Amino acid sequence: VLRCALAVPFWRSGINKWDGFLQLNEVAVLLFSSELKLHLPGGPYDFPAPGLVAFVSGSAEILLPILLVLGLATRLAAFGLLVMTLVIQLTVPDGWPLHITWAAMALGIM
């Protein structure tokens, strides 16, 4: 149950980033190029290579939940989603109540 609960929000986000097989939609790239910023000390900063970041995050949001639900490389998939959660927290700092829940689920799976 924990694996599915963690997989669903990432899967839904990943599905929204794609128009077809290996074709990112324009909104995903636009989000990383103009809307989303990394909130680090001295920042916020733009994402480097927004097209690449959108592709990697979209791919991970599809692949890692599949691995998690199937029970293949579960700890690796949970660790990947934990890292993504940390980056999401740096991007959307006000979402920490939800992000801490995702992090706790990922740590519980690992």
N, C-alpha and C. Protein backbone atom coordinates (compact mmCIF):
# COMPACT_ATOMS: atom_id res chain seq x y z
N VAL A 1 0.83 -1.19 0.00
CA VAL A 1 0.00 0.00 0.00
C VAL A 1 0.88 1.26 0.00
N LEU A 2 1.94 1.22 0.79
CA LEU A 2 2.84 2.38 0.88
C LEU A 2 3.50 2.66 -0.47
N ARG A 3 3.89 1.60 -1.16
CA ARG A 3 4.53 1.78 -2.47
C ARG A 3 3.57 2.43 -3.46
N CYS A 4 2.33 1.98 -3.47
CA CYS A 4 1.33 2.57 -4.38
C CYS A 4 1.02 4.02 -4.01
N ALA A 5 0.91 4.28 -2.71
CA ALA A 5 0.61 5.65 -2.26
C ALA A 5 1.70 6.63 -2.68
N LEU A 6 2.94 6.19 -2.66
CA LEU A 6 4.04 7.06 -3.08
C LEU A 6 4.10 7.15 -4.60
N ALA A 7 3.78 6.09 -5.30
CA ALA A 7 3.90 6.06 -6.75
C ALA A 7 2.87 6.94 -7.46
N VAL A 8 1.65 6.99 -6.95
CA VAL A 8 0.56 7.65 -7.67
C VAL A 8 0.82 9.13 -7.97
N PRO A 9 1.20 9.97 -7.01
CA PRO A 9 1.38 11.39 -7.37
C PRO A 9 2.51 11.63 -8.37
N PHE A 10 3.56 10.84 -8.28
CA PHE A 10 4.66 11.00 -9.23
C PHE A 10 4.25 10.51 -10.62
N TRP A 11 3.51 9.40 -10.67
CA TRP A 11 3.02 8.87 -11.95
C TRP A 11 2.12 9.90 -12.63
N ARG A 12 1.19 10.48 -11.88
CA ARG A 12 0.27 11.47 -12.45
C ARG A 12 1.03 12.69 -12.98
N SER A 13 2.01 13.14 -12.24
CA SER A 13 2.82 14.27 -12.69
C SER A 13 3.59 13.91 -13.95
N GLY A 14 4.14 12.70 -13.98
CA GLY A 14 4.90 12.26 -15.15
C GLY A 14 4.04 12.15 -16.40
N ILE A 15 2.84 11.62 -16.25
CA ILE A 15 1.92 11.48 -17.39
C ILE A 15 1.59 12.85 -17.98
N ASN A 16 1.47 13.86 -17.13
CA ASN A 16 1.13 15.20 -17.61
C ASN A 16 2.26 15.88 -18.37
N LYS A 17 3.47 15.36 -18.28
CA LYS A 17 4.61 15.99 -18.95
C LYS A 17 4.82 15.50 -20.38
N TRP A 18 4.12 14.46 -20.80
CA TRP A 18 4.38 13.83 -22.09
C TRP A 18 3.20 13.98 -23.05
N ASP A 19 3.52 14.20 -24.34
CA ASP A 19 2.52 14.22 -25.41
C ASP A 19 2.49 12.90 -26.16
N GLY A 20 3.57 12.17 -26.12
CA GLY A 20 3.68 10.90 -26.81
C GLY A 20 4.98 10.25 -26.40
N PHE A 21 5.34 9.17 -27.07
CA PHE A 21 6.56 8.45 -26.72
C PHE A 21 7.78 9.35 -26.92
N LEU A 22 8.48 9.65 -25.84
CA LEU A 22 9.67 10.49 -25.82
C LEU A 22 9.43 11.89 -26.38
N GLN A 23 8.19 12.39 -26.28
CA GLN A 23 7.87 13.75 -26.72
C GLN A 23 7.30 14.53 -25.55
N LEU A 24 8.12 15.40 -24.99
CA LEU A 24 7.65 16.26 -23.90
C LEU A 24 6.66 17.28 -24.44
N ASN A 25 5.67 17.63 -23.63
CA ASN A 25 4.80 18.71 -24.07
C ASN A 25 5.47 20.05 -23.77
N GLU A 26 5.01 21.07 -24.44
CA GLU A 26 5.64 22.39 -24.32
C GLU A 26 5.49 22.97 -22.92
N VAL A 27 4.42 22.63 -22.25
CA VAL A 27 4.17 23.17 -20.91
C VAL A 27 5.24 22.70 -19.93
N ALA A 28 5.66 21.44 -20.05
CA ALA A 28 6.68 20.91 -19.13
C ALA A 28 7.98 21.69 -19.27
N VAL A 29 8.41 21.93 -20.49
CA VAL A 29 9.65 22.67 -20.72
C VAL A 29 9.47 24.13 -20.29
N LEU A 30 8.31 24.70 -20.57
CA LEU A 30 8.03 26.08 -20.17
C LEU A 30 8.08 26.24 -18.65
N LEU A 31 7.53 25.27 -17.92
CA LEU A 31 7.57 25.34 -16.46
C LEU A 31 8.99 25.41 -15.94
N PHE A 32 9.86 24.54 -16.46
CA PHE A 32 11.23 24.51 -15.98
C PHE A 32 12.05 25.70 -16.49
N SER A 33 11.65 26.30 -17.60
CA SER A 33 12.44 27.41 -18.13
C SER A 33 12.01 28.76 -17.55
N SER A 34 10.74 28.92 -17.17
CA SER A 34 10.33 30.26 -16.73
C SER A 34 9.59 30.29 -15.39
N GLU A 35 8.85 29.27 -15.05
CA GLU A 35 8.02 29.31 -13.85
C GLU A 35 8.73 28.80 -12.60
N LEU A 36 9.32 27.62 -12.69
CA LEU A 36 9.92 26.98 -11.51
C LEU A 36 11.32 27.50 -11.26
N LYS A 37 11.61 27.78 -10.01
CA LYS A 37 12.93 28.26 -9.60
C LYS A 37 13.42 27.43 -8.42
N LEU A 38 14.74 27.29 -8.32
CA LEU A 38 15.34 26.62 -7.16
C LEU A 38 15.55 27.65 -6.07
N HIS A 39 14.95 27.42 -4.92
CA HIS A 39 15.06 28.36 -3.80
C HIS A 39 16.20 27.92 -2.90
N LEU A 40 17.39 28.37 -3.26
CA LEU A 40 18.61 28.10 -2.50
C LEU A 40 19.10 29.40 -1.88
N PRO A 41 19.99 29.34 -0.90
CA PRO A 41 20.54 30.58 -0.33
C PRO A 41 21.13 31.47 -1.43
N GLY A 42 20.75 32.73 -1.40
CA GLY A 42 21.21 33.67 -2.42
C GLY A 42 20.35 33.65 -3.66
N GLY A 43 19.32 32.82 -3.71
CA GLY A 43 18.50 32.62 -4.89
C GLY A 43 17.20 33.39 -4.80
N PRO A 44 16.23 33.08 -5.57
CA PRO A 44 16.02 31.86 -6.35
C PRO A 44 16.80 31.85 -7.66
N TYR A 45 17.09 30.63 -8.12
CA TYR A 45 17.88 30.43 -9.33
C TYR A 45 17.06 29.69 -10.36
N ASP A 46 17.34 29.98 -11.64
CA ASP A 46 16.72 29.23 -12.74
C ASP A 46 17.28 27.82 -12.78
N PHE A 47 16.48 26.89 -13.31
CA PHE A 47 16.97 25.53 -13.53
C PHE A 47 17.98 25.55 -14.68
N PRO A 48 19.12 24.87 -14.52
CA PRO A 48 20.05 24.77 -15.65
C PRO A 48 19.50 23.79 -16.68
N ALA A 49 19.66 24.07 -17.94
CA ALA A 49 19.20 23.21 -19.04
C ALA A 49 17.77 22.74 -18.82
N PRO A 50 16.79 23.65 -18.89
CA PRO A 50 15.41 23.28 -18.56
C PRO A 50 14.83 22.16 -19.41
N GLY A 51 15.22 22.07 -20.67
CA GLY A 51 14.73 20.97 -21.51
C GLY A 51 15.21 19.63 -21.01
N LEU A 52 16.48 19.56 -20.64
CA LEU A 52 17.05 18.32 -20.12
C LEU A 52 16.45 17.97 -18.76
N VAL A 53 16.29 18.96 -17.90
CA VAL A 53 15.70 18.72 -16.58
C VAL A 53 14.26 18.22 -16.73
N ALA A 54 13.50 18.80 -17.64
CA ALA A 54 12.12 18.36 -17.87
C ALA A 54 12.09 16.93 -18.38
N PHE A 55 13.00 16.58 -19.30
CA PHE A 55 13.05 15.22 -19.84
C PHE A 55 13.42 14.21 -18.76
N VAL A 56 14.45 14.52 -17.98
CA VAL A 56 14.90 13.58 -16.93
C VAL A 56 13.84 13.43 -15.86
N SER A 57 13.26 14.54 -15.42
CA SER A 57 12.24 14.43 -14.37
C SER A 57 10.99 13.72 -14.89
N GLY A 58 10.59 14.01 -16.11
CA GLY A 58 9.44 13.32 -16.69
C GLY A 58 9.67 11.84 -16.85
N SER A 59 10.87 11.47 -17.26
CA SER A 59 11.22 10.05 -17.40
C SER A 59 11.24 9.35 -16.05
N ALA A 60 11.84 10.01 -15.06
CA ALA A 60 11.92 9.42 -13.72
C ALA A 60 10.53 9.29 -13.10
N GLU A 61 9.65 10.26 -13.37
CA GLU A 61 8.30 10.20 -12.81
C GLU A 61 7.46 9.10 -13.44
N ILE A 62 7.88 8.57 -14.56
CA ILE A 62 7.19 7.42 -15.16
C ILE A 62 7.87 6.12 -14.72
N LEU A 63 9.18 6.07 -14.85
CA LEU A 63 9.92 4.83 -14.60
C LEU A 63 9.94 4.43 -13.12
N LEU A 64 10.26 5.35 -12.24
CA LEU A 64 10.41 5.01 -10.82
C LEU A 64 9.11 4.52 -10.18
N PRO A 65 7.95 5.13 -10.44
CA PRO A 65 6.71 4.57 -9.88
C PRO A 65 6.39 3.17 -10.40
N ILE A 66 6.70 2.92 -11.68
CA ILE A 66 6.47 1.57 -12.22
C ILE A 66 7.32 0.56 -11.47
N LEU A 67 8.61 0.87 -11.30
CA LEU A 67 9.49 -0.03 -10.56
C LEU A 67 8.99 -0.23 -9.13
N LEU A 68 8.54 0.83 -8.52
CA LEU A 68 8.08 0.77 -7.13
C LEU A 68 6.85 -0.13 -7.00
N VAL A 69 5.88 0.04 -7.87
CA VAL A 69 4.65 -0.77 -7.80
C VAL A 69 4.94 -2.23 -8.12
N LEU A 70 5.82 -2.48 -9.08
CA LEU A 70 6.15 -3.87 -9.43
C LEU A 70 7.08 -4.53 -8.43
N GLY A 71 7.68 -3.75 -7.56
CA GLY A 71 8.59 -4.31 -6.57
C GLY A 71 9.97 -4.61 -7.13
N LEU A 72 10.32 -3.96 -8.22
CA LEU A 72 11.64 -4.14 -8.84
C LEU A 72 12.53 -2.96 -8.45
N ALA A 73 13.70 -3.26 -7.92
CA ALA A 73 14.63 -2.21 -7.47
C ALA A 73 13.91 -1.21 -6.58
N THR A 74 13.14 -1.75 -5.64
CA THR A 74 12.27 -0.93 -4.80
C THR A 74 13.04 0.13 -4.03
N ARG A 75 14.14 -0.25 -3.42
CA ARG A 75 14.90 0.72 -2.63
C ARG A 75 15.50 1.80 -3.52
N LEU A 76 15.99 1.41 -4.67
CA LEU A 76 16.55 2.38 -5.62
C LEU A 76 15.46 3.34 -6.11
N ALA A 77 14.29 2.79 -6.44
CA ALA A 77 13.18 3.63 -6.89
C ALA A 77 12.73 4.58 -5.79
N ALA A 78 12.64 4.08 -4.56
CA ALA A 78 12.25 4.93 -3.43
C ALA A 78 13.29 6.02 -3.19
N PHE A 79 14.57 5.68 -3.32
CA PHE A 79 15.62 6.68 -3.15
C PHE A 79 15.52 7.74 -4.25
N GLY A 80 15.27 7.32 -5.48
CA GLY A 80 15.10 8.28 -6.58
C GLY A 80 13.94 9.23 -6.34
N LEU A 81 12.83 8.70 -5.83
CA LEU A 81 11.68 9.55 -5.54
C LEU A 81 11.95 10.45 -4.34
N LEU A 82 12.77 9.99 -3.39
CA LEU A 82 13.16 10.83 -2.27
C LEU A 82 14.00 12.02 -2.76
N VAL A 83 14.94 11.75 -3.66
CA VAL A 83 15.75 12.83 -4.24
C VAL A 83 14.86 13.81 -5.00
N MET A 84 13.91 13.27 -5.78
CA MET A 84 12.99 14.15 -6.50
C MET A 84 12.17 14.99 -5.52
N THR A 85 11.76 14.39 -4.42
CA THR A 85 11.00 15.12 -3.40
C THR A 85 11.82 16.26 -2.83
N LEU A 86 13.11 16.02 -2.60
CA LEU A 86 13.98 17.09 -2.08
C LEU A 86 14.09 18.24 -3.08
N VAL A 87 14.22 17.91 -4.36
CA VAL A 87 14.29 18.96 -5.39
C VAL A 87 12.96 19.70 -5.48
N ILE A 88 11.86 18.96 -5.39
CA ILE A 88 10.54 19.60 -5.41
C ILE A 88 10.40 20.54 -4.21
N GLN A 89 10.90 20.12 -3.05
CA GLN A 89 10.84 20.98 -1.86
C GLN A 89 11.64 22.27 -2.08
N LEU A 90 12.79 22.16 -2.75
CA LEU A 90 13.58 23.36 -3.05
C LEU A 90 12.90 24.25 -4.08
N THR A 91 12.01 23.66 -4.88
CA THR A 91 11.31 24.41 -5.91
C THR A 91 10.02 25.04 -5.38
N VAL A 92 9.31 24.30 -4.55
CA VAL A 92 8.03 24.76 -3.99
C VAL A 92 8.11 24.68 -2.47
N PRO A 93 8.78 25.62 -1.83
CA PRO A 93 9.01 25.52 -0.38
C PRO A 93 7.74 25.51 0.46
N ASP A 94 6.67 26.12 -0.02
CA ASP A 94 5.43 26.16 0.76
C ASP A 94 4.70 24.82 0.80
N GLY A 95 5.11 23.87 -0.01
CA GLY A 95 4.45 22.57 -0.05
C GLY A 95 5.03 21.56 0.91
N TRP A 96 5.74 22.01 1.93
CA TRP A 96 6.46 21.08 2.81
C TRP A 96 5.57 20.07 3.53
N PRO A 97 4.31 20.36 3.89
CA PRO A 97 3.53 19.31 4.56
C PRO A 97 3.32 18.08 3.67
N LEU A 98 3.07 18.30 2.40
CA LEU A 98 2.92 17.18 1.47
C LEU A 98 4.27 16.53 1.19
N HIS A 99 5.29 17.33 1.00
CA HIS A 99 6.61 16.81 0.66
C HIS A 99 7.19 15.97 1.79
N ILE A 100 6.94 16.37 3.03
CA ILE A 100 7.47 15.59 4.15
C ILE A 100 6.75 14.23 4.24
N THR A 101 5.49 14.20 3.82
CA THR A 101 4.76 12.93 3.77
C THR A 101 5.38 12.01 2.72
N TRP A 102 5.67 12.56 1.53
CA TRP A 102 6.32 11.76 0.49
C TRP A 102 7.69 11.26 0.96
N ALA A 103 8.45 12.14 1.60
CA ALA A 103 9.78 11.76 2.09
C ALA A 103 9.68 10.65 3.13
N ALA A 104 8.70 10.75 4.03
CA ALA A 104 8.52 9.71 5.05
C ALA A 104 8.14 8.38 4.41
N MET A 105 7.29 8.42 3.39
CA MET A 105 6.92 7.17 2.70
C MET A 105 8.14 6.57 2.02
N ALA A 106 8.93 7.40 1.33
CA ALA A 106 10.12 6.89 0.65
C ALA A 106 11.11 6.30 1.64
N LEU A 107 11.31 6.97 2.77
CA LEU A 107 12.23 6.44 3.79
C LEU A 107 11.69 5.15 4.38
N GLY A 108 10.38 5.06 4.57
CA GLY A 108 9.78 3.83 5.07
C GLY A 108 9.96 2.66 4.13
N ILE A 109 9.91 2.92 2.84
CA ILE A 109 10.10 1.87 1.84
C ILE A 109 11.56 1.43 1.78
N MET A 110 12.46 2.42 1.93
CA MET A 110 13.89 2.09 1.85
C MET A 110 14.29 1.28 3.08
